[in-house]
Amino acid sequence: MPILDGRDEAAIAAAAGRLAAGGLVAFATETVYGLGARADDDAAVAAIFAAKGRPADHPLIVHVATLEDARRFGEIVHPGALALAERFWPGPLTLIVPRRPGVAAAAAGGQDSIGLRMPGHPVAQALLQAAAARGVHGVAAPSANRFGRVSPTRAAHVADEFGPELMVLDGGDCALGIESAIVDCTRAVPALLRPGVLDREAIEAVLGSALRAAGGDAPRASGTLASHYAPSARLRLMDAAQLRQALELLQGAPVPQGLAVYSRTVGRAPTGIPLQRMPDDPGAAARELFAVLRGFDARGVRLVWVEAPPPGPAWEGVRDRLTRAAAD
């Protein structure tokens, strides 16, 4: 099936119909492309796990068009959850709240909590609204890639991953480029389980208090495994001084086959070693990150030396993705 134009009303209607019938649809959001199925149909959700090769106890995020739809799946009663939803939805924020009994157990990975998000991308919004008109009030949608691999930020990435059989709604390149921040609101003090472009300072400003650490009693959540977002190439994270020293040791030596460098501050690498410059702006770095990692794989790169992002909350999302991508 060809990639469909997400601006085409007929394409949106066809995708909504496929969701209503229990099928899979990949679609653009402002973060990454998602692989969606109706969240209230456990058999449809099982098809997501099968397509991705994802463990069935690893929960999915349910995407909704309205706060009313969100309340069909979760109990948004924590004052912090409601304040965050009112401030940041639609947008790149997932809230974990108590799951309504008897609803979306498969999408929640069997937990009593559930992750909910209202995406801001116009294609995602159009699809969710059209699906809701057909009785589908929530779409479970992890990133549209094989489990643990690099998330897709272009429709072509999804097609490369799953082939022509999957319906893909093209919404262009994703504007933010990394997945949503995840805040757990099932306990008295909300916790940041996964950072995103929406940084902790902005979230804490709305809450009026500091986010707690995830802790061992936190619900399972998408994208929080130690190893995740990994390209085929192996990543090694180094600070700027370590990276420069490693490159200096290669001066005049045989060029290691399959090595590339991704750095903010290194100006040049030894001849024969591809150097990709990481943007100085954390938003721009997030936006291009997964496309850059996929690009290294496409070039046959086997090892990437990556300069670790600087400290601070603005870089936390990028730092999190690179740390997980570099994990063994």
C-alpha atoms as a PDB file:
ATOM      1  CA  MET A   1       0.000   0.000   0.000  1.00  0.00           C
ATOM      2  CA  PRO A   2       1.460   3.392  -0.896  1.00  0.00           C
ATOM      3  CA  ILE A   3       2.144   6.049   1.714  1.00  0.00           C
ATOM      4  CA  LEU A   4      -0.989   8.214   1.951  1.00  0.00           C
ATOM      5  CA  ASP A   5      -1.120  11.996   2.159  1.00  0.00           C
ATOM      6  CA  GLY A   6      -2.260  12.862   5.665  1.00  0.00           C
ATOM      7  CA  ARG A   7      -3.761  16.120   4.398  1.00  0.00           C
ATOM      8  CA  ASP A   8      -6.197  14.194   2.182  1.00  0.00           C
ATOM      9  CA  GLU A   9      -9.639  13.784   3.768  1.00  0.00           C
ATOM     10  CA  ALA A  10     -10.196  10.543   1.882  1.00  0.00           C
ATOM     11  CA  ALA A  11      -6.946   9.125   3.265  1.00  0.00           C
ATOM     12  CA  ILE A  12      -7.944  10.126   6.799  1.00  0.00           C
ATOM     13  CA  ALA A  13     -11.350   8.475   6.321  1.00  0.00           C
ATOM     14  CA  ALA A  14      -9.760   5.282   4.997  1.00  0.00           C
ATOM     15  CA  ALA A  15      -7.320   5.145   7.921  1.00  0.00           C
ATOM     16  CA  ALA A  16     -10.097   5.761  10.465  1.00  0.00           C
ATOM     17  CA  GLY A  17     -12.128   2.989   8.862  1.00  0.00           C
ATOM     18  CA  ARG A  18      -9.191   0.609   9.103  1.00  0.00           C
ATOM     19  CA  LEU A  19      -8.775   1.415  12.793  1.00  0.00           C
ATOM     20  CA  ALA A  20     -12.478   0.891  13.409  1.00  0.00           C
ATOM     21  CA  ALA A  21     -12.218  -2.531  11.743  1.00  0.00           C
ATOM     22  CA  GLY A  22      -9.359  -3.554  14.045  1.00  0.00           C
ATOM     23  CA  GLY A  23      -6.501  -2.886  11.624  1.00  0.00           C
ATOM     24  CA  LEU A  24      -3.152  -1.136  12.013  1.00  0.00           C
ATOM     25  CA  VAL A  25      -2.327   2.361  10.799  1.00  0.00           C
ATOM     26  CA  ALA A  26       0.930   4.290  11.137  1.00  0.00           C
ATOM     27  CA  PHE A  27       0.538   8.048  11.444  1.00  0.00           C
ATOM     28  CA  ALA A  28       2.506  11.218  12.045  1.00  0.00           C
ATOM     29  CA  THR A  29       2.623  12.972  15.393  1.00  0.00           C
ATOM     30  CA  GLU A  30       4.717  15.952  16.420  1.00  0.00           C
ATOM     31  CA  THR A  31       7.139  13.619  18.252  1.00  0.00           C
ATOM     32  CA  VAL A  32       7.608  10.453  16.132  1.00  0.00           C
ATOM     33  CA  TYR A  33       5.429   8.314  13.874  1.00  0.00           C
ATOM     34  CA  GLY A  34       3.145   5.967  15.782  1.00  0.00           C
ATOM     35  CA  LEU A  35       1.865   2.470  14.962  1.00  0.00           C
ATOM     36  CA  GLY A  36      -1.789   2.582  15.960  1.00  0.00           C
ATOM     37  CA  ALA A  37      -4.702   0.266  16.684  1.00  0.00           C
ATOM     38  CA  ARG A  38      -7.960   0.867  18.518  1.00  0.00           C
ATOM     39  CA  ALA A  39      -7.156   0.764  22.220  1.00  0.00           C
ATOM     40  CA  ASP A  40     -10.452  -0.843  23.262  1.00  0.00           C
ATOM     41  CA  ASP A  41      -9.842  -3.968  21.149  1.00  0.00           C
ATOM     42  CA  ASP A  42      -7.344  -6.353  22.745  1.00  0.00           C
ATOM     43  CA  ALA A  43      -6.986  -8.361  19.514  1.00  0.00           C
ATOM     44  CA  ALA A  44      -6.149  -5.214  17.557  1.00  0.00           C
ATOM     45  CA  VAL A  45      -3.623  -4.192  20.208  1.00  0.00           C
ATOM     46  CA  ALA A  46      -2.072  -7.674  20.050  1.00  0.00           C
ATOM     47  CA  ALA A  47      -1.338  -7.013  16.372  1.00  0.00           C
ATOM     48  CA  ILE A  48       0.834  -4.038  17.414  1.00  0.00           C
ATOM     49  CA  PHE A  49       2.883  -6.219  19.759  1.00  0.00           C
ATOM     50  CA  ALA A  50       3.257  -8.869  17.038  1.00  0.00           C
ATOM     51  CA  ALA A  51       4.294  -6.379  14.343  1.00  0.00           C
ATOM     52  CA  LYS A  52       6.883  -4.695  16.552  1.00  0.00           C
ATOM     53  CA  GLY A  53       8.130  -7.838  18.286  1.00  0.00           C
ATOM     54  CA  ARG A  54       7.331  -6.067  21.543  1.00  0.00           C
ATOM     55  CA  PRO A  55       6.720  -7.914  24.840  1.00  0.00           C
ATOM     56  CA  ALA A  56       2.998  -7.892  25.654  1.00  0.00           C
ATOM     57  CA  ASP A  57       3.640  -6.636  29.200  1.00  0.00           C
ATOM     58  CA  HIS A  58       5.380  -3.486  27.913  1.00  0.00           C
ATOM     59  CA  PRO A  59       2.596  -0.863  27.970  1.00  0.00           C
ATOM     60  CA  LEU A  60       1.508   1.335  25.097  1.00  0.00           C
ATOM     61  CA  ILE A  61       0.363   4.964  25.106  1.00  0.00           C
ATOM     62  CA  VAL A  62      -3.262   5.636  24.212  1.00  0.00           C
ATOM     63  CA  HIS A  63      -3.730   8.678  21.967  1.00  0.00           C
ATOM     64  CA  VAL A  64      -6.978  10.625  22.264  1.00  0.00           C
ATOM     65  CA  ALA A  65      -8.636  13.592  20.564  1.00  0.00           C
ATOM     66  CA  THR A  66     -10.282  15.134  23.636  1.00  0.00           C
ATOM     67  CA  LEU A  67     -10.097  15.163  27.405  1.00  0.00           C
ATOM     68  CA  GLU A  68     -13.499  13.482  27.439  1.00  0.00           C
ATOM     69  CA  ASP A  69     -12.060  10.611  25.412  1.00  0.00           C
ATOM     70  CA  ALA A  70      -9.082  10.395  27.773  1.00  0.00           C
ATOM     71  CA  ARG A  71     -11.471   9.930  30.672  1.00  0.00           C
ATOM     72  CA  ARG A  72     -12.956   6.870  28.970  1.00  0.00           C
ATOM     73  CA  PHE A  73      -9.643   5.117  29.635  1.00  0.00           C
ATOM     74  CA  GLY A  74      -8.152   6.734  32.722  1.00  0.00           C
ATOM     75  CA  GLU A  75      -9.142   8.545  35.878  1.00  0.00           C
ATOM     76  CA  ILE A  76      -7.698  12.034  35.546  1.00  0.00           C
ATOM     77  CA  VAL A  77      -8.390  13.025  39.137  1.00  0.00           C
ATOM     78  CA  HIS A  78      -4.943  13.945  40.464  1.00  0.00           C
ATOM     79  CA  PRO A  79      -4.860  17.772  40.515  1.00  0.00           C
ATOM     80  CA  GLY A  80      -1.400  17.697  38.978  1.00  0.00           C
ATOM     81  CA  ALA A  81      -2.578  15.482  36.110  1.00  0.00           C
ATOM     82  CA  LEU A  82      -5.488  17.781  35.361  1.00  0.00           C
ATOM     83  CA  ALA A  83      -3.295  20.893  35.501  1.00  0.00           C
ATOM     84  CA  LEU A  84      -0.740  19.342  33.151  1.00  0.00           C
ATOM     85  CA  ALA A  85      -3.429  18.187  30.713  1.00  0.00           C
ATOM     86  CA  GLU A  86      -5.022  21.625  30.652  1.00  0.00           C
ATOM     87  CA  ARG A  87      -1.652  23.312  30.076  1.00  0.00           C
ATOM     88  CA  PHE A  88       0.143  20.958  27.682  1.00  0.00           C
ATOM     89  CA  TRP A  89      -2.534  19.046  25.741  1.00  0.00           C
ATOM     90  CA  PRO A  90      -2.515  18.816  22.795  1.00  0.00           C
ATOM     91  CA  GLY A  91       1.229  18.364  22.962  1.00  0.00           C
ATOM     92  CA  PRO A  92       4.239  16.136  23.666  1.00  0.00           C
ATOM     93  CA  LEU A  93       3.226  14.987  27.153  1.00  0.00           C
ATOM     94  CA  THR A  94       2.010  11.562  28.287  1.00  0.00           C
ATOM     95  CA  LEU A  95       0.245  11.255  31.641  1.00  0.00           C
ATOM     96  CA  ILE A  96       0.110   7.961  33.489  1.00  0.00           C
ATOM     97  CA  VAL A  97      -3.086   7.757  35.538  1.00  0.00           C
ATOM     98  CA  PRO A  98      -5.197   4.979  37.100  1.00  0.00           C
ATOM     99  CA  ARG A  99      -6.841   2.871  34.389  1.00  0.00           C
ATOM    100  CA  ARG A 100     -10.588   2.508  34.374  1.00  0.00           C
ATOM    101  CA  PRO A 101     -11.468  -1.103  35.265  1.00  0.00           C
ATOM    102  CA  GLY A 102     -12.304  -3.344  32.331  1.00  0.00           C
ATOM    103  CA  VAL A 103     -10.874  -0.992  29.693  1.00  0.00           C
ATOM    104  CA  ALA A 104      -7.755  -1.350  27.516  1.00  0.00           C
ATOM    105  CA  ALA A 105      -6.006  -3.967  29.649  1.00  0.00           C
ATOM    106  CA  ALA A 106      -3.871  -5.141  26.724  1.00  0.00           C
ATOM    107  CA  ALA A 107      -2.813  -1.601  25.814  1.00  0.00           C
ATOM    108  CA  ALA A 108      -1.803  -1.014  29.427  1.00  0.00           C
ATOM    109  CA  GLY A 109       0.354  -4.134  29.495  1.00  0.00           C
ATOM    110  CA  GLY A 110      -1.906  -5.594  32.173  1.00  0.00           C
ATOM    111  CA  GLN A 111      -1.257  -2.759  34.631  1.00  0.00           C
ATOM    112  CA  ASP A 112      -3.848  -0.881  36.652  1.00  0.00           C
ATOM    113  CA  SER A 113      -2.444   2.363  35.207  1.00  0.00           C
ATOM    114  CA  ILE A 114      -2.512   3.674  31.661  1.00  0.00           C
ATOM    115  CA  GLY A 115      -0.566   6.249  29.644  1.00  0.00           C
ATOM    116  CA  LEU A 116      -2.631   8.882  27.835  1.00  0.00           C
ATOM    117  CA  ARG A 117      -1.606  11.563  25.336  1.00  0.00           C
ATOM    118  CA  MET A 118      -3.376  14.109  23.153  1.00  0.00           C
ATOM    119  CA  PRO A 119      -1.038  14.733  20.195  1.00  0.00           C
ATOM    120  CA  GLY A 120      -0.882  18.154  18.593  1.00  0.00           C
ATOM    121  CA  HIS A 121       0.003  17.190  15.017  1.00  0.00           C
ATOM    122  CA  PRO A 122      -2.830  18.036  12.603  1.00  0.00           C
ATOM    123  CA  VAL A 123      -2.680  14.608  10.935  1.00  0.00           C
ATOM    124  CA  ALA A 124      -2.900  12.824  14.281  1.00  0.00           C
ATOM    125  CA  GLN A 125      -5.735  15.090  15.385  1.00  0.00           C
ATOM    126  CA  ALA A 126      -7.663  14.571  12.136  1.00  0.00           C
ATOM    127  CA  LEU A 127      -7.259  10.800  12.375  1.00  0.00           C
ATOM    128  CA  LEU A 128      -8.290  10.643  16.037  1.00  0.00           C
ATOM    129  CA  GLN A 129     -11.344  12.794  15.419  1.00  0.00           C
ATOM    130  CA  ALA A 130     -12.385  10.731  12.407  1.00  0.00           C
ATOM    131  CA  ALA A 131     -11.850   7.532  14.394  1.00  0.00           C
ATOM    132  CA  ALA A 132     -13.909   8.874  17.304  1.00  0.00           C
ATOM    133  CA  ALA A 133     -16.770   9.551  14.869  1.00  0.00           C
ATOM    134  CA  ARG A 134     -16.634   5.803  14.117  1.00  0.00           C
ATOM    135  CA  GLY A 135     -16.693   4.790  17.766  1.00  0.00           C
ATOM    136  CA  VAL A 136     -12.922   4.560  18.288  1.00  0.00           C
ATOM    137  CA  HIS A 137     -12.207   6.938  21.159  1.00  0.00           C
ATOM    138  CA  GLY A 138      -8.579   5.995  21.774  1.00  0.00           C
ATOM    139  CA  VAL A 139      -5.719   4.707  19.599  1.00  0.00           C
ATOM    140  CA  ALA A 140      -2.900   2.768  21.228  1.00  0.00           C
ATOM    141  CA  ALA A 141       0.272   3.750  19.398  1.00  0.00           C
ATOM    142  CA  PRO A 142       3.907   3.086  20.239  1.00  0.00           C
ATOM    143  CA  SER A 143       6.579   4.305  17.842  1.00  0.00           C
ATOM    144  CA  ALA A 144       6.288   2.702  14.394  1.00  0.00           C
ATOM    145  CA  ASN A 145       9.497   0.679  14.439  1.00  0.00           C
ATOM    146  CA  ARG A 146      10.686  -2.745  15.526  1.00  0.00           C
ATOM    147  CA  PHE A 147      10.960  -3.007  19.284  1.00  0.00           C
ATOM    148  CA  GLY A 148      14.027  -1.332  20.790  1.00  0.00           C
ATOM    149  CA  ARG A 149      15.194   0.184  17.523  1.00  0.00           C
ATOM    150  CA  VAL A 150      15.440   3.783  16.322  1.00  0.00           C
ATOM    151  CA  SER A 151      12.105   5.602  16.238  1.00  0.00           C
ATOM    152  CA  PRO A 152      10.838   6.911  12.865  1.00  0.00           C
ATOM    153  CA  THR A 153      10.471  10.627  12.194  1.00  0.00           C
ATOM    154  CA  ARG A 154       9.546  10.350   8.496  1.00  0.00           C
ATOM    155  CA  ALA A 155       6.951   8.284   6.664  1.00  0.00           C
ATOM    156  CA  ALA A 156       9.740   6.659   4.643  1.00  0.00           C
ATOM    157  CA  HIS A 157      11.319   5.375   7.867  1.00  0.00           C
ATOM    158  CA  VAL A 158       8.088   3.528   8.658  1.00  0.00           C
ATOM    159  CA  ALA A 159       7.824   2.056   5.162  1.00  0.00           C
ATOM    160  CA  ASP A 160      11.450   0.913   5.364  1.00  0.00           C
ATOM    161  CA  GLU A 161      10.695  -0.787   8.678  1.00  0.00           C
ATOM    162  CA  PHE A 162       7.428  -2.567   7.866  1.00  0.00           C
ATOM    163  CA  GLY A 163       7.121  -2.666   4.085  1.00  0.00           C
ATOM    164  CA  PRO A 164       4.281  -1.691   1.772  1.00  0.00           C
ATOM    165  CA  GLU A 165       1.538  -3.684   3.523  1.00  0.00           C
ATOM    166  CA  LEU A 166       1.189  -1.155   6.344  1.00  0.00           C
ATOM    167  CA  MET A 167      -1.004   1.912   5.803  1.00  0.00           C
ATOM    168  CA  VAL A 168       1.030   5.054   6.597  1.00  0.00           C
ATOM    169  CA  LEU A 169      -0.406   8.560   6.914  1.00  0.00           C
ATOM    170  CA  ASP A 170       2.337  10.967   5.885  1.00  0.00           C
ATOM    171  CA  GLY A 171       2.477  14.190   7.883  1.00  0.00           C
ATOM    172  CA  GLY A 172       5.978  15.248   6.893  1.00  0.00           C
ATOM    173  CA  ASP A 173       9.044  15.219   9.130  1.00  0.00           C
ATOM    174  CA  CYS A 174       8.178  15.209  12.817  1.00  0.00           C
ATOM    175  CA  ALA A 175       8.680  18.675  14.283  1.00  0.00           C
ATOM    176  CA  LEU A 176      10.064  17.559  17.665  1.00  0.00           C
ATOM    177  CA  GLY A 177      11.814  14.304  16.802  1.00  0.00           C
ATOM    178  CA  ILE A 178      11.865  12.440  20.127  1.00  0.00           C
ATOM    179  CA  GLU A 179       9.032  10.849  22.052  1.00  0.00           C
ATOM    180  CA  SER A 180       6.830  12.596  24.592  1.00  0.00           C
ATOM    181  CA  ALA A 181       7.789  13.260  28.177  1.00  0.00           C
ATOM    182  CA  ILE A 182       6.032  10.790  30.513  1.00  0.00           C
ATOM    183  CA  VAL A 183       4.804  11.920  33.925  1.00  0.00           C
ATOM    184  CA  ASP A 184       3.433   9.391  36.401  1.00  0.00           C
ATOM    185  CA  CYS A 185       0.419  10.815  38.250  1.00  0.00           C
ATOM    186  CA  THR A 186      -0.640   7.623  40.011  1.00  0.00           C
ATOM    187  CA  ARG A 187       1.139   8.545  43.244  1.00  0.00           C
ATOM    188  CA  ALA A 188       0.879  11.526  45.567  1.00  0.00           C
ATOM    189  CA  VAL A 189       3.917  13.295  44.059  1.00  0.00           C
ATOM    190  CA  PRO A 190       4.184  13.106  40.243  1.00  0.00           C
ATOM    191  CA  ALA A 191       7.357  11.562  38.810  1.00  0.00           C
ATOM    192  CA  LEU A 192       9.146  12.048  35.501  1.00  0.00           C
ATOM    193  CA  LEU A 193       9.533   8.586  33.971  1.00  0.00           C
ATOM    194  CA  ARG A 194      10.837   9.690  30.570  1.00  0.00           C
ATOM    195  CA  PRO A 195      12.122  13.156  29.607  1.00  0.00           C
ATOM    196  CA  GLY A 196      11.199  14.770  26.316  1.00  0.00           C
ATOM    197  CA  VAL A 197      11.425  18.082  24.518  1.00  0.00           C
ATOM    198  CA  LEU A 198       8.987  19.394  27.112  1.00  0.00           C
ATOM    199  CA  ASP A 199      11.519  19.718  29.924  1.00  0.00           C
ATOM    200  CA  ARG A 200      11.122  19.159  33.639  1.00  0.00           C
ATOM    201  CA  GLU A 201      11.340  22.863  34.493  1.00  0.00           C
ATOM    202  CA  ALA A 202       8.230  23.588  32.414  1.00  0.00           C
ATOM    203  CA  ILE A 203       6.386  20.668  33.995  1.00  0.00           C
ATOM    204  CA  GLU A 204       7.412  21.629  37.519  1.00  0.00           C
ATOM    205  CA  ALA A 205       6.323  25.217  36.921  1.00  0.00           C
ATOM    206  CA  VAL A 206       2.764  23.990  36.316  1.00  0.00           C
ATOM    207  CA  LEU A 207       2.829  21.553  39.233  1.00  0.00           C
ATOM    208  CA  GLY A 208       4.276  24.137  41.586  1.00  0.00           C
ATOM    209  CA  SER A 209       6.623  21.531  43.018  1.00  0.00           C
ATOM    210  CA  ALA A 210       9.533  19.313  42.040  1.00  0.00           C
ATOM    211  CA  LEU A 211       9.000  16.050  40.201  1.00  0.00           C
ATOM    212  CA  ARG A 212      10.104  13.008  42.145  1.00  0.00           C
ATOM    213  CA  ALA A 213      12.453  10.359  40.768  1.00  0.00           C
ATOM    214  CA  ALA A 214      10.785   7.363  39.138  1.00  0.00           C
ATOM    215  CA  GLY A 215      11.717   4.876  41.872  1.00  0.00           C
ATOM    216  CA  GLY A 216      11.229   1.131  41.935  1.00  0.00           C
ATOM    217  CA  ASP A 217       7.493   1.414  42.551  1.00  0.00           C
ATOM    218  CA  ALA A 218       6.811   3.371  39.351  1.00  0.00           C
ATOM    219  CA  PRO A 219       4.496   1.857  36.739  1.00  0.00           C
ATOM    220  CA  ARG A 220       6.101   0.371  33.668  1.00  0.00           C
ATOM    221  CA  ALA A 221       6.141   2.901  30.843  1.00  0.00           C
ATOM    222  CA  SER A 222       7.057   3.095  27.163  1.00  0.00           C
ATOM    223  CA  GLY A 223      10.671   3.769  26.250  1.00  0.00           C
ATOM    224  CA  THR A 224      12.114   3.362  29.725  1.00  0.00           C
ATOM    225  CA  LEU A 225      14.150   0.180  29.288  1.00  0.00           C
ATOM    226  CA  ALA A 226      17.876   0.584  29.875  1.00  0.00           C
ATOM    227  CA  SER A 227      18.591  -0.329  26.238  1.00  0.00           C
ATOM    228  CA  HIS A 228      16.325   1.305  23.666  1.00  0.00           C
ATOM    229  CA  TYR A 229      16.309   3.545  20.557  1.00  0.00           C
ATOM    230  CA  ALA A 230      19.347   1.672  19.250  1.00  0.00           C
ATOM    231  CA  PRO A 231      20.624   1.778  15.653  1.00  0.00           C
ATOM    232  CA  SER A 232      22.409  -1.194  14.116  1.00  0.00           C
ATOM    233  CA  ALA A 233      25.677   0.669  14.640  1.00  0.00           C
ATOM    234  CA  ARG A 234      27.146   0.564  18.121  1.00  0.00           C
ATOM    235  CA  LEU A 235      27.187   3.907  19.952  1.00  0.00           C
ATOM    236  CA  ARG A 236      29.868   5.045  22.354  1.00  0.00           C
ATOM    237  CA  LEU A 237      29.174   8.192  24.384  1.00  0.00           C
ATOM    238  CA  MET A 238      32.165  10.356  25.348  1.00  0.00           C
ATOM    239  CA  ASP A 239      32.541  13.839  26.752  1.00  0.00           C
ATOM    240  CA  ALA A 240      34.186  16.422  24.501  1.00  0.00           C
ATOM    241  CA  ALA A 241      37.686  15.989  25.952  1.00  0.00           C
ATOM    242  CA  GLN A 242      37.554  12.196  25.660  1.00  0.00           C
ATOM    243  CA  LEU A 243      36.343  12.427  22.071  1.00  0.00           C
ATOM    244  CA  ARG A 244      39.106  14.833  21.045  1.00  0.00           C
ATOM    245  CA  GLN A 245      41.716  12.644  22.713  1.00  0.00           C
ATOM    246  CA  ALA A 246      40.390   9.525  20.958  1.00  0.00           C
ATOM    247  CA  LEU A 247      40.492  11.289  17.574  1.00  0.00           C
ATOM    248  CA  GLU A 248      44.014  12.593  18.201  1.00  0.00           C
ATOM    249  CA  LEU A 249      45.192   9.026  18.788  1.00  0.00           C
ATOM    250  CA  LEU A 250      43.957   8.169  15.290  1.00  0.00           C
ATOM    251  CA  GLN A 251      46.028  10.873  13.570  1.00  0.00           C
ATOM    252  CA  GLY A 252      48.403   9.157  11.162  1.00  0.00           C
ATOM    253  CA  ALA A 253      47.034   5.711  12.008  1.00  0.00           C
ATOM    254  CA  PRO A 254      45.010   3.428   9.715  1.00  0.00           C
ATOM    255  CA  VAL A 255      41.385   4.618   9.631  1.00  0.00           C
ATOM    256  CA  PRO A 256      39.112   2.224  11.527  1.00  0.00           C
ATOM    257  CA  GLN A 257      36.599   0.783   9.100  1.00  0.00           C
ATOM    258  CA  GLY A 258      32.990   1.729   9.759  1.00  0.00           C
ATOM    259  CA  LEU A 259      33.663   4.501  12.312  1.00  0.00           C
ATOM    260  CA  ALA A 260      31.756   7.803  12.301  1.00  0.00           C
ATOM    261  CA  VAL A 261      31.589  10.765  14.695  1.00  0.00           C
ATOM    262  CA  TYR A 262      28.589  12.809  15.903  1.00  0.00           C
ATOM    263  CA  SER A 263      29.723  15.885  17.833  1.00  0.00           C
ATOM    264  CA  ARG A 264      28.760  19.426  18.802  1.00  0.00           C
ATOM    265  CA  THR A 265      32.258  20.798  19.320  1.00  0.00           C
ATOM    266  CA  VAL A 266      34.737  18.758  17.261  1.00  0.00           C
ATOM    267  CA  GLY A 267      35.533  20.689  14.090  1.00  0.00           C
ATOM    268  CA  ARG A 268      37.151  17.942  12.060  1.00  0.00           C
ATOM    269  CA  ALA A 269      38.007  14.270  12.159  1.00  0.00           C
ATOM    270  CA  PRO A 270      40.881  12.331  10.578  1.00  0.00           C
ATOM    271  CA  THR A 271      40.527  11.833   6.843  1.00  0.00           C
ATOM    272  CA  GLY A 272      38.165   9.001   6.027  1.00  0.00           C
ATOM    273  CA  ILE A 273      36.074   9.263   9.202  1.00  0.00           C
ATOM    274  CA  PRO A 274      32.641  10.816   8.551  1.00  0.00           C
ATOM    275  CA  LEU A 275      31.841  13.681  10.938  1.00  0.00           C
ATOM    276  CA  GLN A 276      28.243  14.759  11.533  1.00  0.00           C
ATOM    277  CA  ARG A 277      27.812  17.946  13.540  1.00  0.00           C
ATOM    278  CA  MET A 278      25.244  17.915  16.331  1.00  0.00           C
ATOM    279  CA  PRO A 279      23.303  21.207  16.575  1.00  0.00           C
ATOM    280  CA  ASP A 280      24.028  23.545  19.474  1.00  0.00           C
ATOM    281  CA  ASP A 281      20.300  24.001  20.091  1.00  0.00           C
ATOM    282  CA  PRO A 282      18.743  21.091  22.045  1.00  0.00           C
ATOM    283  CA  GLY A 283      15.465  21.339  20.127  1.00  0.00           C
ATOM    284  CA  ALA A 284      17.242  21.096  16.792  1.00  0.00           C
ATOM    285  CA  ALA A 285      19.351  18.195  18.087  1.00  0.00           C
ATOM    286  CA  ALA A 286      16.218  16.333  19.197  1.00  0.00           C
ATOM    287  CA  ARG A 287      14.500  16.988  15.884  1.00  0.00           C
ATOM    288  CA  GLU A 288      17.300  15.402  13.835  1.00  0.00           C
ATOM    289  CA  LEU A 289      18.576  12.749  16.258  1.00  0.00           C
ATOM    290  CA  PHE A 290      16.773   9.643  15.037  1.00  0.00           C
ATOM    291  CA  ALA A 291      17.141  10.582  11.369  1.00  0.00           C
ATOM    292  CA  VAL A 292      20.897  10.969  11.901  1.00  0.00           C
ATOM    293  CA  LEU A 293      21.157   7.553  13.573  1.00  0.00           C
ATOM    294  CA  ARG A 294      19.176   5.961  10.746  1.00  0.00           C
ATOM    295  CA  GLY A 295      21.432   7.746   8.270  1.00  0.00           C
ATOM    296  CA  PHE A 296      24.541   6.200   9.842  1.00  0.00           C
ATOM    297  CA  ASP A 297      22.969   2.748   9.464  1.00  0.00           C
ATOM    298  CA  ALA A 298      22.120   3.454   5.822  1.00  0.00           C
ATOM    299  CA  ARG A 299      25.793   4.296   5.189  1.00  0.00           C
ATOM    300  CA  GLY A 300      26.968   1.028   6.726  1.00  0.00           C
ATOM    301  CA  VAL A 301      28.523   2.668   9.791  1.00  0.00           C
ATOM    302  CA  ARG A 302      29.308   0.112  12.494  1.00  0.00           C
ATOM    303  CA  LEU A 303      30.534   2.332  15.349  1.00  0.00           C
ATOM    304  CA  VAL A 304      29.571   5.919  16.201  1.00  0.00           C
ATOM    305  CA  TRP A 305      31.529   8.023  18.666  1.00  0.00           C
ATOM    306  CA  VAL A 306      29.008  10.477  20.066  1.00  0.00           C
ATOM    307  CA  GLU A 307      29.791  13.578  22.087  1.00  0.00           C
ATOM    308  CA  ALA A 308      27.590  13.481  25.179  1.00  0.00           C
ATOM    309  CA  PRO A 309      25.110  16.380  25.349  1.00  0.00           C
ATOM    310  CA  PRO A 310      25.768  19.047  27.961  1.00  0.00           C
ATOM    311  CA  PRO A 311      24.129  18.913  31.396  1.00  0.00           C
ATOM    312  CA  GLY A 312      20.882  20.681  32.216  1.00  0.00           C
ATOM    313  CA  PRO A 313      17.168  20.079  31.739  1.00  0.00           C
ATOM    314  CA  ALA A 314      17.006  21.429  28.174  1.00  0.00           C
ATOM    315  CA  TRP A 315      19.193  18.551  26.942  1.00  0.00           C
ATOM    316  CA  GLU A 316      17.671  15.855  29.170  1.00  0.00           C
ATOM    317  CA  GLY A 317      15.528  14.282  26.441  1.00  0.00           C
ATOM    318  CA  VAL A 318      18.377  13.967  23.935  1.00  0.00           C
ATOM    319  CA  ARG A 319      20.739  12.763  26.642  1.00  0.00           C
ATOM    320  CA  ASP A 320      18.227  10.091  27.707  1.00  0.00           C
ATOM    321  CA  ARG A 321      17.795   8.736  24.150  1.00  0.00           C
ATOM    322  CA  LEU A 322      21.538   8.595  23.465  1.00  0.00           C
ATOM    323  CA  THR A 323      22.264   6.950  26.815  1.00  0.00           C
ATOM    324  CA  ARG A 324      19.718   4.217  26.124  1.00  0.00           C
ATOM    325  CA  ALA A 325      20.874   3.816  22.513  1.00  0.00           C
ATOM    326  CA  ALA A 326      24.443   3.307  23.746  1.00  0.00           C
ATOM    327  CA  ALA A 327      23.520   0.779  26.449  1.00  0.00           C
ATOM    328  CA  ASP A 328      24.631  -2.826  25.975  1.00  0.00           C
END
